[in-house]
Each structure stands twice: as structure tokens, then as C-alpha cells.
Amino acid sequence: MTPKGAAGLKGTKGSSSVAGTSPLTKEAYQQQQLDLLKEQSLPYAEYQKRYRQIMAE
């Protein structure tokens, strides 16, 4: 059986080796995505939509 958390790893093979860093934990990935989201000037509705997508991952 595949762990439930592995479902989000599709398509990421090799991406960590390109950056030369170890893979991020789910929490660290979410925080990174939230930090990037905060840097963008988005309307509130779009921000809220993307925030929910990030937290659902």
C-alpha cells in the first residue's frame, strides 16, 4: 500500500536533486507556498482560493 501522503509526490521526481536540497515535509512545503502567495498582490477572493488549495494539498 502507498502511504496517503505520497499521493502529492507525482511529478516531483528529480526536482529536489536539481535544487540540491532534501525534499520538504508537507508542512514546510505548505509554508513555502504560503510565503510565495503572500508576496503576490492578489485580490482577496483569488488569495483565498489559492490559500485553500495550498492547505488542501
PDB file of N, CA and C in Angstrom:
ATOM      1  N   MET A   1       0.829  -1.185   0.000  1.00  0.00           N
ATOM      2  CA  MET A   1       0.000   0.000   0.000  1.00  0.00           C
ATOM      3  C   MET A   1       0.876   1.252   0.000  1.00  0.00           C
ATOM      4  N   THR A   2       0.409   2.244  -0.688  1.00  0.00           N
ATOM      5  CA  THR A   2       1.127   3.506  -0.731  1.00  0.00           C
ATOM      6  C   THR A   2       0.610   4.421   0.371  1.00  0.00           C
ATOM      7  N   PRO A   3       1.505   5.055   1.116  1.00  0.00           N
ATOM      8  CA  PRO A   3       1.035   5.991   2.142  1.00  0.00           C
ATOM      9  C   PRO A   3       0.218   7.115   1.526  1.00  0.00           C
ATOM     10  N   LYS A   4      -0.778   7.558   2.242  1.00  0.00           N
ATOM     11  CA  LYS A   4      -1.661   8.612   1.746  1.00  0.00           C
ATOM     12  C   LYS A   4      -0.875   9.870   1.374  1.00  0.00           C
ATOM     13  N   GLY A   5       0.148  10.196   2.126  1.00  0.00           N
ATOM     14  CA  GLY A   5       0.937  11.395   1.872  1.00  0.00           C
ATOM     15  C   GLY A   5       1.743  11.338   0.589  1.00  0.00           C
ATOM     16  N   ALA A   6       1.950  10.148   0.036  1.00  0.00           N
ATOM     17  CA  ALA A   6       2.740  10.015  -1.179  1.00  0.00           C
ATOM     18  C   ALA A   6       1.963  10.415  -2.421  1.00  0.00           C
ATOM     19  N   ALA A   7       0.662  10.591  -2.306  1.00  0.00           N
ATOM     20  CA  ALA A   7      -0.154  10.930  -3.467  1.00  0.00           C
ATOM     21  C   ALA A   7       0.253  12.259  -4.083  1.00  0.00           C
ATOM     22  N   GLY A   8       0.722  13.197  -3.281  1.00  0.00           N
ATOM     23  CA  GLY A   8       1.093  14.509  -3.795  1.00  0.00           C
ATOM     24  C   GLY A   8       2.490  14.568  -4.370  1.00  0.00           C
ATOM     25  N   LEU A   9       3.184  13.436  -4.432  1.00  0.00           N
ATOM     26  CA  LEU A   9       4.555  13.437  -4.912  1.00  0.00           C
ATOM     27  C   LEU A   9       4.682  13.183  -6.406  1.00  0.00           C
ATOM     28  N   LYS A  10       3.574  12.964  -7.090  1.00  0.00           N
ATOM     29  CA  LYS A  10       3.628  12.705  -8.522  1.00  0.00           C
ATOM     30  C   LYS A  10       4.278  13.872  -9.253  1.00  0.00           C
ATOM     31  N   GLY A  11       5.168  13.564 -10.170  1.00  0.00           N
ATOM     32  CA  GLY A  11       5.766  14.599 -10.995  1.00  0.00           C
ATOM     33  C   GLY A  11       6.874  15.385 -10.320  1.00  0.00           C
ATOM     34  N   THR A  12       7.258  15.010  -9.126  1.00  0.00           N
ATOM     35  CA  THR A  12       8.306  15.760  -8.448  1.00  0.00           C
ATOM     36  C   THR A  12       9.632  15.010  -8.427  1.00  0.00           C
ATOM     37  N   LYS A  13       9.688  13.850  -9.043  1.00  0.00           N
ATOM     38  CA  LYS A  13      10.931  13.092  -9.051  1.00  0.00           C
ATOM     39  C   LYS A  13      12.027  13.916  -9.721  1.00  0.00           C
ATOM     40  N   GLY A  14      13.173  13.988  -9.057  1.00  0.00           N
ATOM     41  CA  GLY A  14      14.302  14.692  -9.629  1.00  0.00           C
ATOM     42  C   GLY A  14      14.300  16.183  -9.347  1.00  0.00           C
ATOM     43  N   SER A  15      13.186  16.747  -8.996  1.00  0.00           N
ATOM     44  CA  SER A  15      13.151  18.186  -8.765  1.00  0.00           C
ATOM     45  C   SER A  15      14.002  18.572  -7.558  1.00  0.00           C
ATOM     46  N   SER A  16      14.043  17.706  -6.551  1.00  0.00           N
ATOM     47  CA  SER A  16      14.844  18.032  -5.376  1.00  0.00           C
ATOM     48  C   SER A  16      16.335  17.916  -5.681  1.00  0.00           C
ATOM     49  N   SER A  17      16.713  17.011  -6.574  1.00  0.00           N
ATOM     50  CA  SER A  17      18.122  16.867  -6.898  1.00  0.00           C
ATOM     51  C   SER A  17      18.617  18.046  -7.724  1.00  0.00           C
ATOM     52  N   VAL A  18      17.742  18.660  -8.484  1.00  0.00           N
ATOM     53  CA  VAL A  18      18.111  19.830  -9.272  1.00  0.00           C
ATOM     54  C   VAL A  18      18.462  20.982  -8.338  1.00  0.00           C
ATOM     55  N   ALA A  19      17.666  21.158  -7.304  1.00  0.00           N
ATOM     56  CA  ALA A  19      17.896  22.242  -6.360  1.00  0.00           C
ATOM     57  C   ALA A  19      19.028  21.899  -5.388  1.00  0.00           C
ATOM     58  N   GLY A  20      19.346  20.624  -5.249  1.00  0.00           N
ATOM     59  CA  GLY A  20      20.401  20.211  -4.347  1.00  0.00           C
ATOM     60  C   GLY A  20      19.986  20.215  -2.889  1.00  0.00           C
ATOM     61  N   THR A  21      18.679  20.199  -2.640  1.00  0.00           N
ATOM     62  CA  THR A  21      18.184  20.186  -1.269  1.00  0.00           C
ATOM     63  C   THR A  21      17.364  18.928  -1.044  1.00  0.00           C
ATOM     64  N   SER A  22      17.151  18.607   0.224  1.00  0.00           N
ATOM     65  CA  SER A  22      16.322  17.450   0.533  1.00  0.00           C
ATOM     66  C   SER A  22      14.856  17.811   0.333  1.00  0.00           C
ATOM     67  N   PRO A  23      14.014  16.819   0.100  1.00  0.00           N
ATOM     68  CA  PRO A  23      12.581  17.094  -0.090  1.00  0.00           C
ATOM     69  C   PRO A  23      11.976  17.755   1.148  1.00  0.00           C
ATOM     70  N   LEU A  24      11.023  18.625   0.921  1.00  0.00           N
ATOM     71  CA  LEU A  24      10.363  19.322   2.018  1.00  0.00           C
ATOM     72  C   LEU A  24       9.288  18.451   2.643  1.00  0.00           C
ATOM     73  N   THR A  25       9.066  18.648   3.920  1.00  0.00           N
ATOM     74  CA  THR A  25       7.930  17.998   4.558  1.00  0.00           C
ATOM     75  C   THR A  25       6.673  18.682   4.048  1.00  0.00           C
ATOM     76  N   LYS A  26       5.538  18.054   4.287  1.00  0.00           N
ATOM     77  CA  LYS A  26       4.269  18.648   3.859  1.00  0.00           C
ATOM     78  C   LYS A  26       4.091  20.037   4.464  1.00  0.00           C
ATOM     79  N   GLU A  27       4.385  20.153   5.746  1.00  0.00           N
ATOM     80  CA  GLU A  27       4.219  21.433   6.440  1.00  0.00           C
ATOM     81  C   GLU A  27       5.164  22.491   5.885  1.00  0.00           C
ATOM     82  N   ALA A  28       6.411  22.109   5.626  1.00  0.00           N
ATOM     83  CA  ALA A  28       7.387  23.058   5.091  1.00  0.00           C
ATOM     84  C   ALA A  28       6.999  23.491   3.682  1.00  0.00           C
ATOM     85  N   TYR A  29       6.497  22.547   2.882  1.00  0.00           N
ATOM     86  CA  TYR A  29       6.050  22.882   1.532  1.00  0.00           C
ATOM     87  C   TYR A  29       4.882  23.866   1.586  1.00  0.00           C
ATOM     88  N   GLN A  30       3.918  23.592   2.466  1.00  0.00           N
ATOM     89  CA  GLN A  30       2.771  24.489   2.594  1.00  0.00           C
ATOM     90  C   GLN A  30       3.219  25.880   3.029  1.00  0.00           C
ATOM     91  N   GLN A  31       4.143  25.936   3.973  1.00  0.00           N
ATOM     92  CA  GLN A  31       4.616  27.240   4.449  1.00  0.00           C
ATOM     93  C   GLN A  31       5.329  27.987   3.330  1.00  0.00           C
ATOM     94  N   GLN A  32       6.128  27.268   2.539  1.00  0.00           N
ATOM     95  CA  GLN A  32       6.818  27.888   1.411  1.00  0.00           C
ATOM     96  C   GLN A  32       5.809  28.447   0.411  1.00  0.00           C
ATOM     97  N   GLN A  33       4.780  27.673   0.118  1.00  0.00           N
ATOM     98  CA  GLN A  33       3.761  28.124  -0.825  1.00  0.00           C
ATOM     99  C   GLN A  33       2.988  29.322  -0.272  1.00  0.00           C
ATOM    100  N   LEU A  34       2.705  29.318   1.026  1.00  0.00           N
ATOM    101  CA  LEU A  34       2.008  30.451   1.643  1.00  0.00           C
ATOM    102  C   LEU A  34       2.870  31.707   1.617  1.00  0.00           C
ATOM    103  N   ASP A  35       4.168  31.548   1.846  1.00  0.00           N
ATOM    104  CA  ASP A  35       5.070  32.697   1.791  1.00  0.00           C
ATOM    105  C   ASP A  35       5.096  33.298   0.390  1.00  0.00           C
ATOM    106  N   LEU A  36       5.133  32.436  -0.626  1.00  0.00           N
ATOM    107  CA  LEU A  36       5.101  32.922  -2.007  1.00  0.00           C
ATOM    108  C   LEU A  36       3.776  33.610  -2.314  1.00  0.00           C
ATOM    109  N   LEU A  37       2.701  33.053  -1.797  1.00  0.00           N
ATOM    110  CA  LEU A  37       1.372  33.624  -2.018  1.00  0.00           C
ATOM    111  C   LEU A  37       1.274  35.022  -1.407  1.00  0.00           C
ATOM    112  N   LYS A  38       1.836  35.187  -0.218  1.00  0.00           N
ATOM    113  CA  LYS A  38       1.786  36.483   0.465  1.00  0.00           C
ATOM    114  C   LYS A  38       2.536  37.568  -0.307  1.00  0.00           C
ATOM    115  N   GLU A  39       3.552  37.169  -1.070  1.00  0.00           N
ATOM    116  CA  GLU A  39       4.355  38.131  -1.824  1.00  0.00           C
ATOM    117  C   GLU A  39       3.630  38.663  -3.056  1.00  0.00           C
ATOM    118  N   GLN A  40       2.574  37.979  -3.464  1.00  0.00           N
ATOM    119  CA  GLN A  40       1.834  38.382  -4.655  1.00  0.00           C
ATOM    120  C   GLN A  40       0.729  39.359  -4.283  1.00  0.00           C
ATOM    121  N   SER A  41       0.475  40.289  -5.181  1.00  0.00           N
ATOM    122  CA  SER A  41      -0.626  41.240  -4.962  1.00  0.00           C
ATOM    123  C   SER A  41      -1.863  40.701  -5.662  1.00  0.00           C
ATOM    124  N   LEU A  42      -2.643  39.934  -4.915  1.00  0.00           N
ATOM    125  CA  LEU A  42      -3.834  39.308  -5.478  1.00  0.00           C
ATOM    126  C   LEU A  42      -5.084  39.886  -4.834  1.00  0.00           C
ATOM    127  N   PRO A  43      -6.183  39.901  -5.594  1.00  0.00           N
ATOM    128  CA  PRO A  43      -7.463  40.253  -4.966  1.00  0.00           C
ATOM    129  C   PRO A  43      -7.764  39.228  -3.870  1.00  0.00           C
ATOM    130  N   TYR A  44      -8.518  39.646  -2.863  1.00  0.00           N
ATOM    131  CA  TYR A  44      -8.778  38.768  -1.721  1.00  0.00           C
ATOM    132  C   TYR A  44      -9.393  37.436  -2.143  1.00  0.00           C
ATOM    133  N   ALA A  45     -10.342  37.468  -3.072  1.00  0.00           N
ATOM    134  CA  ALA A  45     -11.009  36.230  -3.491  1.00  0.00           C
ATOM    135  C   ALA A  45     -10.006  35.245  -4.097  1.00  0.00           C
ATOM    136  N   GLU A  46      -9.072  35.750  -4.898  1.00  0.00           N
ATOM    137  CA  GLU A  46      -8.058  34.879  -5.514  1.00  0.00           C
ATOM    138  C   GLU A  46      -7.089  34.360  -4.449  1.00  0.00           C
ATOM    139  N   TYR A  47      -6.695  35.226  -3.535  1.00  0.00           N
ATOM    140  CA  TYR A  47      -5.820  34.823  -2.431  1.00  0.00           C
ATOM    141  C   TYR A  47      -6.468  33.700  -1.627  1.00  0.00           C
ATOM    142  N   GLN A  48      -7.744  33.894  -1.290  1.00  0.00           N
ATOM    143  CA  GLN A  48      -8.475  32.902  -0.505  1.00  0.00           C
ATOM    144  C   GLN A  48      -8.563  31.572  -1.253  1.00  0.00           C
ATOM    145  N   LYS A  49      -8.815  31.616  -2.541  1.00  0.00           N
ATOM    146  CA  LYS A  49      -8.915  30.402  -3.367  1.00  0.00           C
ATOM    147  C   LYS A  49      -7.589  29.642  -3.356  1.00  0.00           C
ATOM    148  N   ARG A  50      -6.494  30.350  -3.583  1.00  0.00           N
ATOM    149  CA  ARG A  50      -5.185  29.699  -3.611  1.00  0.00           C
ATOM    150  C   ARG A  50      -4.770  29.203  -2.226  1.00  0.00           C
ATOM    151  N   TYR A  51      -5.117  29.970  -1.193  1.00  0.00           N
ATOM    152  CA  TYR A  51      -4.814  29.546   0.171  1.00  0.00           C
ATOM    153  C   TYR A  51      -5.483  28.207   0.464  1.00  0.00           C
ATOM    154  N   ARG A  52      -6.744  28.107   0.100  1.00  0.00           N
ATOM    155  CA  ARG A  52      -7.479  26.856   0.338  1.00  0.00           C
ATOM    156  C   ARG A  52      -6.883  25.699  -0.461  1.00  0.00           C
ATOM    157  N   GLN A  53      -6.427  25.975  -1.683  1.00  0.00           N
ATOM    158  CA  GLN A  53      -5.795  24.926  -2.490  1.00  0.00           C
ATOM    159  C   GLN A  53      -4.517  24.435  -1.812  1.00  0.00           C
ATOM    160  N   ILE A  54      -3.724  25.365  -1.327  1.00  0.00           N
ATOM    161  CA  ILE A  54      -2.466  25.003  -0.664  1.00  0.00           C
ATOM    162  C   ILE A  54      -2.737  24.162   0.578  1.00  0.00           C
ATOM    163  N   MET A  55      -3.688  24.582   1.378  1.00  0.00           N
ATOM    164  CA  MET A  55      -3.969  23.878   2.623  1.00  0.00           C
ATOM    165  C   MET A  55      -4.616  22.512   2.382  1.00  0.00           C
ATOM    166  N   ALA A  56      -5.234  22.327   1.229  1.00  0.00           N
ATOM    167  CA  ALA A  56      -5.863  21.045   0.905  1.00  0.00           C
ATOM    168  C   ALA A  56      -4.846  20.028   0.394  1.00  0.00           C
ATOM    169  N   GLU A  57      -3.674  20.477   0.004  1.00  0.00           N
ATOM    170  CA  GLU A  57      -2.661  19.569  -0.551  1.00  0.00           C
ATOM    171  C   GLU A  57      -2.107  18.647   0.508  1.00  0.00           C
TER     172      GLU A  57
END
